[in-house]
């Protein structure tokens, strides 16, 4: 069911300047205390070994990286693709892989689905980027493609979505993609609400979908995970991975790369990675249930950055590495664990 995001979520994007200044200070000092072996166990518990790390990689990451996609495991890729590419969502499949015939019909094993942006751009979604070691050009590098959902089939009999995915936020502008003026002159939101009610449809895997307020940009405006430590999460993603802390309070943390804004003014706002505080003051036993759906967050950068990321940061806290730098799919890939135990895959491609 598509629901409307609450005011508290929208308010998080207008957090005080003090929290942003704190983040800037942390990034200038480039010292962060991370959980050396932080992870989520089967029972939702976590373990932490504090390690102090000096990082020189965040500036490289912030200048060359973008949030690429998330991998979600689902019982039926076909059903999920039908939902995301249906009339309500209007997404498109950019890559897919089938398994031939099953029960007389072809089934998808995996698919990348993106919803595009509410702004125009002269670049295609498969545009190439320059490596930071390549010769510079007078023309600016093309912007990254839109954020994608990588849907991969799983045949686990006891499949569960878990509760670590809070919601996927779809921009309200999606319903006005051919009539942006309508988003401005809508009658006190009544037309918007009516349109949302007409578009209500259950996501086939039980993933919560919300309609959220967003500036023009990626139609997948927010991908939101739950966390028990927003401060450690912010430190990891800003100091190590070079993301910007756009807003933070005691309930939400909003992170984003700004390379889209630098590449082209027509791109609008890229997808925001949001973490929602999952601490219940009245119940200390509340646990995060990983489930079988969410697999990892993927960030794309350059191969040079991946080398530096491992050399300058990750080599000092190996407990947070689940995959050392390796060549995969034509890219150099490294796998990290964030303070919540969530997998983050950083892939660097040598561009031509």
C-alpha atoms as a PDB file:
ATOM      1  CA  UNK A   1       0.000   0.000   0.000  1.00  0.00           C
ATOM      2  CA  UNK A   2       1.300   3.474  -0.840  1.00  0.00           C
ATOM      3  CA  UNK A   3       1.029   5.776   2.148  1.00  0.00           C
ATOM      4  CA  UNK A   4       1.994   9.367   2.810  1.00  0.00           C
ATOM      5  CA  UNK A   5       5.098  10.087   4.812  1.00  0.00           C
ATOM      6  CA  UNK A   6       4.572  11.775   8.167  1.00  0.00           C
ATOM      7  CA  UNK A   7       5.568  15.337   8.966  1.00  0.00           C
ATOM      8  CA  UNK A   8       8.325  14.095  11.270  1.00  0.00           C
ATOM      9  CA  UNK A   9      10.077  12.517   8.304  1.00  0.00           C
ATOM     10  CA  UNK A  10       9.820  15.669   6.210  1.00  0.00           C
ATOM     11  CA  UNK A  11      11.007  17.761   9.162  1.00  0.00           C
ATOM     12  CA  UNK A  12      14.183  15.694   9.319  1.00  0.00           C
ATOM     13  CA  UNK A  13      15.312  17.292   6.070  1.00  0.00           C
ATOM     14  CA  UNK A  14      15.301  20.699   7.770  1.00  0.00           C
ATOM     15  CA  UNK A  15      17.466  19.741  10.747  1.00  0.00           C
ATOM     16  CA  UNK A  16      19.472  22.420  12.515  1.00  0.00           C
ATOM     17  CA  UNK A  17      22.746  23.665  11.112  1.00  0.00           C
ATOM     18  CA  UNK A  18      24.566  22.549  14.241  1.00  0.00           C
ATOM     19  CA  UNK A  19      24.322  18.862  13.346  1.00  0.00           C
ATOM     20  CA  UNK A  20      25.630  19.562   9.865  1.00  0.00           C
ATOM     21  CA  UNK A  21      28.518  21.569  11.315  1.00  0.00           C
ATOM     22  CA  UNK A  22      29.388  18.658  13.578  1.00  0.00           C
ATOM     23  CA  UNK A  23      29.622  16.413  10.538  1.00  0.00           C
ATOM     24  CA  UNK A  24      31.812  18.903   8.674  1.00  0.00           C
ATOM     25  CA  UNK A  25      34.118  19.057  11.678  1.00  0.00           C
ATOM     26  CA  UNK A  26      34.360  15.272  11.814  1.00  0.00           C
ATOM     27  CA  UNK A  27      35.231  15.141   8.138  1.00  0.00           C
ATOM     28  CA  UNK A  28      37.906  17.844   8.485  1.00  0.00           C
ATOM     29  CA  UNK A  29      39.541  16.023  11.355  1.00  0.00           C
ATOM     30  CA  UNK A  30      38.992  12.721   9.529  1.00  0.00           C
ATOM     31  CA  UNK A  31      38.969  10.682  12.710  1.00  0.00           C
ATOM     32  CA  UNK A  32      36.149   8.306  13.416  1.00  0.00           C
ATOM     33  CA  UNK A  33      35.429   5.672  16.020  1.00  0.00           C
ATOM     34  CA  UNK A  34      33.892   2.707  14.279  1.00  0.00           C
ATOM     35  CA  UNK A  35      32.597  -0.615  15.474  1.00  0.00           C
ATOM     36  CA  UNK A  36      35.399  -2.967  14.562  1.00  0.00           C
ATOM     37  CA  UNK A  37      33.177  -6.042  14.428  1.00  0.00           C
ATOM     38  CA  UNK A  38      29.700  -4.613  14.546  1.00  0.00           C
ATOM     39  CA  UNK A  39      27.104  -6.943  13.106  1.00  0.00           C
ATOM     40  CA  UNK A  40      23.545  -8.115  13.467  1.00  0.00           C
ATOM     41  CA  UNK A  41      23.155 -11.634  14.743  1.00  0.00           C
ATOM     42  CA  UNK A  42      20.286 -13.977  14.044  1.00  0.00           C
ATOM     43  CA  UNK A  43      18.636 -12.752  17.229  1.00  0.00           C
ATOM     44  CA  UNK A  44      19.026  -9.105  16.278  1.00  0.00           C
ATOM     45  CA  UNK A  45      21.816  -8.483  18.784  1.00  0.00           C
ATOM     46  CA  UNK A  46      24.962  -6.564  17.905  1.00  0.00           C
ATOM     47  CA  UNK A  47      28.576  -6.650  19.013  1.00  0.00           C
ATOM     48  CA  UNK A  48      31.039  -3.761  18.954  1.00  0.00           C
ATOM     49  CA  UNK A  49      34.822  -3.429  19.238  1.00  0.00           C
ATOM     50  CA  UNK A  50      35.767   0.254  19.059  1.00  0.00           C
ATOM     51  CA  UNK A  51      38.586   1.159  16.695  1.00  0.00           C
ATOM     52  CA  UNK A  52      39.866   4.674  16.022  1.00  0.00           C
ATOM     53  CA  UNK A  53      40.673   5.289  12.381  1.00  0.00           C
ATOM     54  CA  UNK A  54      42.199   8.153  10.440  1.00  0.00           C
ATOM     55  CA  UNK A  55      40.768   8.369   6.944  1.00  0.00           C
ATOM     56  CA  UNK A  56      41.987  10.252   3.883  1.00  0.00           C
ATOM     57  CA  UNK A  57      39.514   8.630   1.502  1.00  0.00           C
ATOM     58  CA  UNK A  58      36.306  10.521   2.219  1.00  0.00           C
ATOM     59  CA  UNK A  59      37.151  13.463  -0.055  1.00  0.00           C
ATOM     60  CA  UNK A  60      37.905  11.089  -2.933  1.00  0.00           C
ATOM     61  CA  UNK A  61      34.649   9.239  -2.339  1.00  0.00           C
ATOM     62  CA  UNK A  62      32.562  12.411  -2.165  1.00  0.00           C
ATOM     63  CA  UNK A  63      33.941  13.714  -5.459  1.00  0.00           C
ATOM     64  CA  UNK A  64      33.677  10.530  -7.529  1.00  0.00           C
ATOM     65  CA  UNK A  65      30.913   8.360  -6.075  1.00  0.00           C
ATOM     66  CA  UNK A  66      27.182   7.882  -6.383  1.00  0.00           C
ATOM     67  CA  UNK A  67      24.545   5.660  -4.805  1.00  0.00           C
ATOM     68  CA  UNK A  68      24.049   3.022  -7.486  1.00  0.00           C
ATOM     69  CA  UNK A  69      21.467   0.493  -6.288  1.00  0.00           C
ATOM     70  CA  UNK A  70      20.330  -1.855  -3.563  1.00  0.00           C
ATOM     71  CA  UNK A  71      20.026  -5.614  -3.953  1.00  0.00           C
ATOM     72  CA  UNK A  72      16.750  -7.107  -2.775  1.00  0.00           C
ATOM     73  CA  UNK A  73      16.093 -10.847  -2.763  1.00  0.00           C
ATOM     74  CA  UNK A  74      12.519 -11.781  -3.642  1.00  0.00           C
ATOM     75  CA  UNK A  75      10.567 -15.024  -4.208  1.00  0.00           C
ATOM     76  CA  UNK A  76       9.447 -13.902  -7.672  1.00  0.00           C
ATOM     77  CA  UNK A  77      11.389 -11.397  -9.739  1.00  0.00           C
ATOM     78  CA  UNK A  78       8.602 -11.417 -12.334  1.00  0.00           C
ATOM     79  CA  UNK A  79       5.964 -10.314  -9.817  1.00  0.00           C
ATOM     80  CA  UNK A  80       8.248  -7.637  -8.418  1.00  0.00           C
ATOM     81  CA  UNK A  81       9.098  -6.340 -11.888  1.00  0.00           C
ATOM     82  CA  UNK A  82       5.392  -6.222 -12.759  1.00  0.00           C
ATOM     83  CA  UNK A  83       4.783  -4.048  -9.706  1.00  0.00           C
ATOM     84  CA  UNK A  84       7.619  -1.606 -10.343  1.00  0.00           C
ATOM     85  CA  UNK A  85       6.997  -1.326 -14.092  1.00  0.00           C
ATOM     86  CA  UNK A  86       3.203  -1.180 -13.836  1.00  0.00           C
ATOM     87  CA  UNK A  87       1.042   1.838 -14.558  1.00  0.00           C
ATOM     88  CA  UNK A  88       1.336   3.176 -11.007  1.00  0.00           C
ATOM     89  CA  UNK A  89       5.129   3.171 -10.789  1.00  0.00           C
ATOM     90  CA  UNK A  90       6.134   3.333 -14.441  1.00  0.00           C
ATOM     91  CA  UNK A  91       9.649   1.984 -13.930  1.00  0.00           C
ATOM     92  CA  UNK A  92      11.757   0.287 -16.571  1.00  0.00           C
ATOM     93  CA  UNK A  93      14.020  -2.752 -16.625  1.00  0.00           C
ATOM     94  CA  UNK A  94      17.554  -1.795 -17.631  1.00  0.00           C
ATOM     95  CA  UNK A  95      19.118  -5.267 -17.280  1.00  0.00           C
ATOM     96  CA  UNK A  96      17.713  -8.721 -16.660  1.00  0.00           C
ATOM     97  CA  UNK A  97      18.631 -12.392 -16.710  1.00  0.00           C
ATOM     98  CA  UNK A  98      16.272 -15.314 -17.269  1.00  0.00           C
ATOM     99  CA  UNK A  99      16.596 -19.009 -16.554  1.00  0.00           C
ATOM    100  CA  UNK A 100      15.120 -20.359 -19.763  1.00  0.00           C
ATOM    101  CA  UNK A 101      11.897 -22.251 -19.297  1.00  0.00           C
ATOM    102  CA  UNK A 102      10.266 -23.199 -16.014  1.00  0.00           C
ATOM    103  CA  UNK A 103       6.897 -24.923 -16.087  1.00  0.00           C
ATOM    104  CA  UNK A 104       6.665 -23.991 -19.734  1.00  0.00           C
ATOM    105  CA  UNK A 105       7.247 -20.277 -19.095  1.00  0.00           C
ATOM    106  CA  UNK A 106      10.387 -18.202 -18.893  1.00  0.00           C
ATOM    107  CA  UNK A 107      11.156 -16.777 -15.469  1.00  0.00           C
ATOM    108  CA  UNK A 108      13.475 -13.976 -14.470  1.00  0.00           C
ATOM    109  CA  UNK A 109      16.386 -14.731 -12.178  1.00  0.00           C
ATOM    110  CA  UNK A 110      17.347 -11.089 -11.735  1.00  0.00           C
ATOM    111  CA  UNK A 111      16.502  -7.627 -12.985  1.00  0.00           C
ATOM    112  CA  UNK A 112      17.597  -4.037 -12.474  1.00  0.00           C
ATOM    113  CA  UNK A 113      14.663  -1.638 -12.296  1.00  0.00           C
ATOM    114  CA  UNK A 114      14.900   2.138 -12.236  1.00  0.00           C
ATOM    115  CA  UNK A 115      12.180   4.777 -12.204  1.00  0.00           C
ATOM    116  CA  UNK A 116      14.144   7.640 -13.712  1.00  0.00           C
ATOM    117  CA  UNK A 117      14.039  11.278 -12.710  1.00  0.00           C
ATOM    118  CA  UNK A 118      11.475  14.049 -12.682  1.00  0.00           C
ATOM    119  CA  UNK A 119      13.936  16.243 -14.586  1.00  0.00           C
ATOM    120  CA  UNK A 120      15.278  16.083 -18.111  1.00  0.00           C
ATOM    121  CA  UNK A 121      18.866  15.242 -19.010  1.00  0.00           C
ATOM    122  CA  UNK A 122      20.681  14.866 -22.301  1.00  0.00           C
ATOM    123  CA  UNK A 123      22.616  11.872 -21.020  1.00  0.00           C
ATOM    124  CA  UNK A 124      21.445   8.294 -21.283  1.00  0.00           C
ATOM    125  CA  UNK A 125      21.277   6.039 -18.246  1.00  0.00           C
ATOM    126  CA  UNK A 126      24.186   3.990 -19.554  1.00  0.00           C
ATOM    127  CA  UNK A 127      26.552   6.956 -19.950  1.00  0.00           C
ATOM    128  CA  UNK A 128      30.229   6.377 -19.206  1.00  0.00           C
ATOM    129  CA  UNK A 129      32.231   8.261 -16.598  1.00  0.00           C
ATOM    130  CA  UNK A 130      35.812   9.348 -16.448  1.00  0.00           C
ATOM    131  CA  UNK A 131      38.170   7.680 -13.993  1.00  0.00           C
ATOM    132  CA  UNK A 132      39.874  10.155 -11.672  1.00  0.00           C
ATOM    133  CA  UNK A 133      43.232   9.039 -13.107  1.00  0.00           C
ATOM    134  CA  UNK A 134      42.163   9.662 -16.698  1.00  0.00           C
ATOM    135  CA  UNK A 135      43.095  12.703 -18.741  1.00  0.00           C
ATOM    136  CA  UNK A 136      40.790  15.606 -18.028  1.00  0.00           C
ATOM    137  CA  UNK A 137      38.525  17.041 -20.687  1.00  0.00           C
ATOM    138  CA  UNK A 138      36.996  20.451 -21.197  1.00  0.00           C
ATOM    139  CA  UNK A 139      33.536  18.942 -21.147  1.00  0.00           C
ATOM    140  CA  UNK A 140      32.043  17.896 -17.788  1.00  0.00           C
ATOM    141  CA  UNK A 141      31.653  14.163 -17.132  1.00  0.00           C
ATOM    142  CA  UNK A 142      28.201  12.778 -17.778  1.00  0.00           C
ATOM    143  CA  UNK A 143      26.059  12.281 -14.676  1.00  0.00           C
ATOM    144  CA  UNK A 144      25.375   8.874 -13.127  1.00  0.00           C
ATOM    145  CA  UNK A 145      22.311   6.827 -14.022  1.00  0.00           C
ATOM    146  CA  UNK A 146      19.212   6.841 -11.873  1.00  0.00           C
ATOM    147  CA  UNK A 147      19.130   4.772  -8.687  1.00  0.00           C
ATOM    148  CA  UNK A 148      18.075   1.148  -9.264  1.00  0.00           C
ATOM    149  CA  UNK A 149      16.565  -1.780  -7.419  1.00  0.00           C
ATOM    150  CA  UNK A 150      18.428  -4.998  -8.176  1.00  0.00           C
ATOM    151  CA  UNK A 151      15.857  -7.767  -7.775  1.00  0.00           C
ATOM    152  CA  UNK A 152      17.283 -11.265  -7.372  1.00  0.00           C
ATOM    153  CA  UNK A 153      15.277 -14.446  -6.974  1.00  0.00           C
ATOM    154  CA  UNK A 154      15.472 -16.599  -3.859  1.00  0.00           C
ATOM    155  CA  UNK A 155      13.745 -19.911  -3.305  1.00  0.00           C
ATOM    156  CA  UNK A 156      14.033 -19.911   0.468  1.00  0.00           C
ATOM    157  CA  UNK A 157      10.999 -21.731   1.825  1.00  0.00           C
ATOM    158  CA  UNK A 158      10.703 -19.619   4.986  1.00  0.00           C
ATOM    159  CA  UNK A 159      11.187 -16.259   3.234  1.00  0.00           C
ATOM    160  CA  UNK A 160      10.707 -13.194   5.410  1.00  0.00           C
ATOM    161  CA  UNK A 161      11.150  -9.501   4.603  1.00  0.00           C
ATOM    162  CA  UNK A 162      12.261  -8.812   8.177  1.00  0.00           C
ATOM    163  CA  UNK A 163      11.984  -5.337   9.662  1.00  0.00           C
ATOM    164  CA  UNK A 164      15.261  -3.635   8.740  1.00  0.00           C
ATOM    165  CA  UNK A 165      13.713  -2.012   5.637  1.00  0.00           C
ATOM    166  CA  UNK A 166      11.554   0.791   6.977  1.00  0.00           C
ATOM    167  CA  UNK A 167      10.226   1.901   3.571  1.00  0.00           C
ATOM    168  CA  UNK A 168      11.048   2.853   0.007  1.00  0.00           C
ATOM    169  CA  UNK A 169      10.038   6.471  -0.566  1.00  0.00           C
ATOM    170  CA  UNK A 170       8.581   7.354  -3.964  1.00  0.00           C
ATOM    171  CA  UNK A 171       8.511  11.030  -4.916  1.00  0.00           C
ATOM    172  CA  UNK A 172       5.077  12.639  -4.977  1.00  0.00           C
ATOM    173  CA  UNK A 173       6.134  14.219  -8.263  1.00  0.00           C
ATOM    174  CA  UNK A 174       5.803  10.826  -9.960  1.00  0.00           C
ATOM    175  CA  UNK A 175       2.064  11.278 -10.327  1.00  0.00           C
ATOM    176  CA  UNK A 176       2.630  14.709 -11.916  1.00  0.00           C
ATOM    177  CA  UNK A 177       5.420  13.707 -14.303  1.00  0.00           C
ATOM    178  CA  UNK A 178       3.437  14.968 -17.284  1.00  0.00           C
ATOM    179  CA  UNK A 179       1.821  17.835 -15.404  1.00  0.00           C
ATOM    180  CA  UNK A 180       4.236  19.467 -12.955  1.00  0.00           C
ATOM    181  CA  UNK A 181       1.950  22.479 -12.696  1.00  0.00           C
ATOM    182  CA  UNK A 182      -0.637  20.175 -11.173  1.00  0.00           C
ATOM    183  CA  UNK A 183       1.678  19.558  -8.229  1.00  0.00           C
ATOM    184  CA  UNK A 184       1.641  23.273  -7.504  1.00  0.00           C
ATOM    185  CA  UNK A 185      -2.028  24.102  -7.950  1.00  0.00           C
ATOM    186  CA  UNK A 186      -3.480  20.929  -6.405  1.00  0.00           C
ATOM    187  CA  UNK A 187      -6.449  21.822  -4.208  1.00  0.00           C
ATOM    188  CA  UNK A 188      -4.968  21.718  -0.683  1.00  0.00           C
ATOM    189  CA  UNK A 189      -3.549  18.282  -1.354  1.00  0.00           C
ATOM    190  CA  UNK A 190      -6.973  16.725  -1.934  1.00  0.00           C
ATOM    191  CA  UNK A 191      -6.211  15.895  -5.540  1.00  0.00           C
ATOM    192  CA  UNK A 192      -2.885  14.396  -4.488  1.00  0.00           C
ATOM    193  CA  UNK A 193      -4.538  12.222  -1.846  1.00  0.00           C
ATOM    194  CA  UNK A 194      -7.206  11.092  -4.298  1.00  0.00           C
ATOM    195  CA  UNK A 195      -4.564  10.138  -6.844  1.00  0.00           C
ATOM    196  CA  UNK A 196      -2.593   8.194  -4.224  1.00  0.00           C
ATOM    197  CA  UNK A 197      -5.694   6.304  -3.136  1.00  0.00           C
ATOM    198  CA  UNK A 198      -6.414   5.382  -6.746  1.00  0.00           C
ATOM    199  CA  UNK A 199      -2.859   4.049  -7.092  1.00  0.00           C
ATOM    200  CA  UNK A 200      -2.847   1.924  -3.946  1.00  0.00           C
ATOM    201  CA  UNK A 201      -1.366  -1.474  -4.644  1.00  0.00           C
ATOM    202  CA  UNK A 202       0.446  -3.869  -2.348  1.00  0.00           C
ATOM    203  CA  UNK A 203       4.129  -4.420  -3.041  1.00  0.00           C
ATOM    204  CA  UNK A 204       4.222  -8.202  -3.641  1.00  0.00           C
ATOM    205  CA  UNK A 205       6.897  -8.901  -1.010  1.00  0.00           C
ATOM    206  CA  UNK A 206       5.471  -6.792   1.794  1.00  0.00           C
ATOM    207  CA  UNK A 207       8.044  -3.996   1.526  1.00  0.00           C
ATOM    208  CA  UNK A 208       6.483  -0.738   2.803  1.00  0.00           C
ATOM    209  CA  UNK A 209       6.147   1.872   0.049  1.00  0.00           C
ATOM    210  CA  UNK A 210       5.529   5.534   0.918  1.00  0.00           C
ATOM    211  CA  UNK A 211       4.753   8.594  -1.138  1.00  0.00           C
ATOM    212  CA  UNK A 212       7.171  11.280   0.061  1.00  0.00           C
ATOM    213  CA  UNK A 213       7.681  14.979  -0.494  1.00  0.00           C
ATOM    214  CA  UNK A 214      10.776  15.572  -2.584  1.00  0.00           C
ATOM    215  CA  UNK A 215      12.364  18.182  -4.788  1.00  0.00           C
ATOM    216  CA  UNK A 216      12.638  17.298  -8.491  1.00  0.00           C
ATOM    217  CA  UNK A 217      15.076  14.445  -8.982  1.00  0.00           C
ATOM    218  CA  UNK A 218      15.095  10.658  -8.746  1.00  0.00           C
ATOM    219  CA  UNK A 219      11.603   9.192  -8.424  1.00  0.00           C
ATOM    220  CA  UNK A 220      13.011   6.685  -5.919  1.00  0.00           C
ATOM    221  CA  UNK A 221      13.530   9.559  -3.527  1.00  0.00           C
ATOM    222  CA  UNK A 222      14.447   7.627  -0.380  1.00  0.00           C
ATOM    223  CA  UNK A 223      15.629   4.173   0.602  1.00  0.00           C
ATOM    224  CA  UNK A 224      15.200   3.797   4.352  1.00  0.00           C
ATOM    225  CA  UNK A 225      16.769   1.269   6.703  1.00  0.00           C
ATOM    226  CA  UNK A 226      16.445   0.980  10.462  1.00  0.00           C
ATOM    227  CA  UNK A 227      19.392   1.535  12.804  1.00  0.00           C
ATOM    228  CA  UNK A 228      20.154   1.378  16.509  1.00  0.00           C
ATOM    229  CA  UNK A 229      23.012   3.904  16.356  1.00  0.00           C
ATOM    230  CA  UNK A 230      22.538   6.923  14.104  1.00  0.00           C
ATOM    231  CA  UNK A 231      25.753   8.602  15.280  1.00  0.00           C
ATOM    232  CA  UNK A 232      28.023   5.673  14.406  1.00  0.00           C
ATOM    233  CA  UNK A 233      26.121   5.206  11.142  1.00  0.00           C
ATOM    234  CA  UNK A 234      26.638   8.860  10.210  1.00  0.00           C
ATOM    235  CA  UNK A 235      30.352   8.654  11.034  1.00  0.00           C
ATOM    236  CA  UNK A 236      30.821   5.604   8.830  1.00  0.00           C
ATOM    237  CA  UNK A 237      28.990   6.891   5.759  1.00  0.00           C
ATOM    238  CA  UNK A 238      30.383  10.446   5.916  1.00  0.00           C
ATOM    239  CA  UNK A 239      33.967   9.908   7.060  1.00  0.00           C
ATOM    240  CA  UNK A 240      34.678   6.635   5.301  1.00  0.00           C
ATOM    241  CA  UNK A 241      32.371   6.715   2.268  1.00  0.00           C
ATOM    242  CA  UNK A 242      32.249  10.471   1.716  1.00  0.00           C
ATOM    243  CA  UNK A 243      28.479  10.963   1.796  1.00  0.00           C
ATOM    244  CA  UNK A 244      26.987  14.240   3.039  1.00  0.00           C
ATOM    245  CA  UNK A 245      24.893  14.310   6.202  1.00  0.00           C
ATOM    246  CA  UNK A 246      21.968  16.365   4.919  1.00  0.00           C
ATOM    247  CA  UNK A 247      19.953  16.200   8.130  1.00  0.00           C
ATOM    248  CA  UNK A 248      19.947  14.384  11.427  1.00  0.00           C
ATOM    249  CA  UNK A 249      17.913  14.387  14.600  1.00  0.00           C
ATOM    250  CA  UNK A 250      17.155  11.755  17.212  1.00  0.00           C
ATOM    251  CA  UNK A 251      14.804   9.939  14.829  1.00  0.00           C
ATOM    252  CA  UNK A 252      16.303  10.110  11.340  1.00  0.00           C
ATOM    253  CA  UNK A 253      19.586  10.398   9.474  1.00  0.00           C
ATOM    254  CA  UNK A 254      19.569  11.541   5.829  1.00  0.00           C
ATOM    255  CA  UNK A 255      22.642  10.909   3.657  1.00  0.00           C
ATOM    256  CA  UNK A 256      23.341  11.741   0.044  1.00  0.00           C
ATOM    257  CA  UNK A 257      26.073  12.178  -2.542  1.00  0.00           C
ATOM    258  CA  UNK A 258      26.107  15.564  -4.246  1.00  0.00           C
ATOM    259  CA  UNK A 259      27.886  14.602  -7.466  1.00  0.00           C
ATOM    260  CA  UNK A 260      24.590  14.790  -9.356  1.00  0.00           C
ATOM    261  CA  UNK A 261      24.272  18.463  -8.508  1.00  0.00           C
ATOM    262  CA  UNK A 262      27.828  19.102  -9.707  1.00  0.00           C
ATOM    263  CA  UNK A 263      27.399  17.234 -12.995  1.00  0.00           C
ATOM    264  CA  UNK A 264      24.242  18.831 -14.288  1.00  0.00           C
ATOM    265  CA  UNK A 265      21.744  21.305 -12.915  1.00  0.00           C
ATOM    266  CA  UNK A 266      18.990  19.463 -14.779  1.00  0.00           C
ATOM    267  CA  UNK A 267      19.366  16.263 -12.753  1.00  0.00           C
ATOM    268  CA  UNK A 268      17.756  17.415  -9.543  1.00  0.00           C
ATOM    269  CA  UNK A 269      18.108  15.668  -6.196  1.00  0.00           C
ATOM    270  CA  UNK A 270      19.572  12.129  -6.173  1.00  0.00           C
ATOM    271  CA  UNK A 271      18.222   9.314  -4.012  1.00  0.00           C
ATOM    272  CA  UNK A 272      18.630   9.873  -0.271  1.00  0.00           C
ATOM    273  CA  UNK A 273      19.827   7.034   1.948  1.00  0.00           C
ATOM    274  CA  UNK A 274      17.817   7.348   5.161  1.00  0.00           C
ATOM    275  CA  UNK A 275      18.348   5.593   8.487  1.00  0.00           C
ATOM    276  CA  UNK A 276      15.522   5.508  11.003  1.00  0.00           C
ATOM    277  CA  UNK A 277      16.255   5.168  14.715  1.00  0.00           C
ATOM    278  CA  UNK A 278      14.988   1.814  15.940  1.00  0.00           C
ATOM    279  CA  UNK A 279      15.302   2.267  19.684  1.00  0.00           C
ATOM    280  CA  UNK A 280      12.299   1.751  21.918  1.00  0.00           C
ATOM    281  CA  UNK A 281      12.767   3.480  25.279  1.00  0.00           C
ATOM    282  CA  UNK A 282       9.973   1.369  26.716  1.00  0.00           C
ATOM    283  CA  UNK A 283      11.338  -1.927  25.434  1.00  0.00           C
ATOM    284  CA  UNK A 284      15.069  -2.646  25.575  1.00  0.00           C
ATOM    285  CA  UNK A 285      14.518  -6.083  24.055  1.00  0.00           C
ATOM    286  CA  UNK A 286      13.299  -4.783  20.674  1.00  0.00           C
ATOM    287  CA  UNK A 287      15.401  -6.405  17.941  1.00  0.00           C
ATOM    288  CA  UNK A 288      16.215  -5.827  14.306  1.00  0.00           C
ATOM    289  CA  UNK A 289      15.173  -8.792  12.197  1.00  0.00           C
ATOM    290  CA  UNK A 290      17.385  -8.980   9.124  1.00  0.00           C
ATOM    291  CA  UNK A 291      15.055 -11.222   7.163  1.00  0.00           C
ATOM    292  CA  UNK A 292      15.836 -12.497   3.672  1.00  0.00           C
ATOM    293  CA  UNK A 293      15.072  -9.471   1.476  1.00  0.00           C
ATOM    294  CA  UNK A 294      17.747  -6.799   1.890  1.00  0.00           C
ATOM    295  CA  UNK A 295      21.206  -7.920   0.749  1.00  0.00           C
ATOM    296  CA  UNK A 296      23.421  -4.875   0.251  1.00  0.00           C
ATOM    297  CA  UNK A 297      23.807  -1.233  -0.716  1.00  0.00           C
ATOM    298  CA  UNK A 298      25.938  -0.590  -3.821  1.00  0.00           C
ATOM    299  CA  UNK A 299      28.039   2.516  -4.368  1.00  0.00           C
ATOM    300  CA  UNK A 300      29.845   3.146  -7.645  1.00  0.00           C
ATOM    301  CA  UNK A 301      33.106   5.059  -7.799  1.00  0.00           C
ATOM    302  CA  UNK A 302      36.457   4.584  -9.573  1.00  0.00           C
ATOM    303  CA  UNK A 303      39.028   1.804  -9.273  1.00  0.00           C
ATOM    304  CA  UNK A 304      41.570   4.302  -7.960  1.00  0.00           C
ATOM    305  CA  UNK A 305      39.250   5.175  -5.074  1.00  0.00           C
ATOM    306  CA  UNK A 306      38.701   1.510  -4.199  1.00  0.00           C
ATOM    307  CA  UNK A 307      42.466   1.021  -3.944  1.00  0.00           C
ATOM    308  CA  UNK A 308      42.807   4.004  -1.630  1.00  0.00           C
ATOM    309  CA  UNK A 309      39.774   3.028   0.414  1.00  0.00           C
ATOM    310  CA  UNK A 310      41.341  -0.297   1.296  1.00  0.00           C
ATOM    311  CA  UNK A 311      44.873   1.039   1.755  1.00  0.00           C
ATOM    312  CA  UNK A 312      44.022   4.067   3.885  1.00  0.00           C
ATOM    313  CA  UNK A 313      41.028   2.873   5.864  1.00  0.00           C
ATOM    314  CA  UNK A 314      39.926  -0.699   5.632  1.00  0.00           C
ATOM    315  CA  UNK A 315      43.344  -2.249   6.223  1.00  0.00           C
ATOM    316  CA  UNK A 316      43.180  -0.794   9.750  1.00  0.00           C
ATOM    317  CA  UNK A 317      39.884  -2.464  10.671  1.00  0.00           C
ATOM    318  CA  UNK A 318      39.680  -5.773   8.841  1.00  0.00           C
ATOM    319  CA  UNK A 319      36.749  -6.974  10.929  1.00  0.00           C
ATOM    320  CA  UNK A 320      34.583  -4.599   8.903  1.00  0.00           C
ATOM    321  CA  UNK A 321      35.573  -6.160   5.570  1.00  0.00           C
ATOM    322  CA  UNK A 322      33.553  -9.065   4.239  1.00  0.00           C
ATOM    323  CA  UNK A 323      35.168  -8.932   0.790  1.00  0.00           C
ATOM    324  CA  UNK A 324      38.677  -7.683   0.049  1.00  0.00           C
ATOM    325  CA  UNK A 325      39.311  -5.819  -3.242  1.00  0.00           C
ATOM    326  CA  UNK A 326      38.677  -8.181  -6.116  1.00  0.00           C
ATOM    327  CA  UNK A 327      37.893  -7.950  -9.823  1.00  0.00           C
ATOM    328  CA  UNK A 328      34.269  -8.696 -10.590  1.00  0.00           C
ATOM    329  CA  UNK A 329      32.067  -7.807 -13.578  1.00  0.00           C
ATOM    330  CA  UNK A 330      34.828  -5.652 -15.044  1.00  0.00           C
ATOM    331  CA  UNK A 331      35.172  -3.575 -11.875  1.00  0.00           C
ATOM    332  CA  UNK A 332      37.276  -3.590  -8.737  1.00  0.00           C
ATOM    333  CA  UNK A 333      34.942  -4.360  -5.846  1.00  0.00           C
ATOM    334  CA  UNK A 334      35.282  -4.185  -2.076  1.00  0.00           C
ATOM    335  CA  UNK A 335      32.707  -5.202   0.534  1.00  0.00           C
ATOM    336  CA  UNK A 336      32.311  -3.442   3.892  1.00  0.00           C
ATOM    337  CA  UNK A 337      30.058  -3.846   6.902  1.00  0.00           C
ATOM    338  CA  UNK A 338      28.541  -0.664   8.301  1.00  0.00           C
ATOM    339  CA  UNK A 339      27.985  -0.198  12.075  1.00  0.00           C
ATOM    340  CA  UNK A 340      24.564  -1.852  11.733  1.00  0.00           C
ATOM    341  CA  UNK A 341      26.052  -4.957  10.130  1.00  0.00           C
ATOM    342  CA  UNK A 342      24.594  -4.018   6.727  1.00  0.00           C
ATOM    343  CA  UNK A 343      26.651  -4.897   3.664  1.00  0.00           C
ATOM    344  CA  UNK A 344      27.972  -2.044   1.532  1.00  0.00           C
ATOM    345  CA  UNK A 345      29.588  -2.923  -1.793  1.00  0.00           C
ATOM    346  CA  UNK A 346      31.833  -0.263  -3.344  1.00  0.00           C
ATOM    347  CA  UNK A 347      32.596  -0.857  -7.023  1.00  0.00           C
ATOM    348  CA  UNK A 348      35.178   1.082  -8.996  1.00  0.00           C
ATOM    349  CA  UNK A 349      35.336   1.060 -12.767  1.00  0.00           C
ATOM    350  CA  UNK A 350      38.236   2.141 -14.923  1.00  0.00           C
ATOM    351  CA  UNK A 351      36.443   4.368 -17.407  1.00  0.00           C
ATOM    352  CA  UNK A 352      37.417   5.051 -20.986  1.00  0.00           C
END
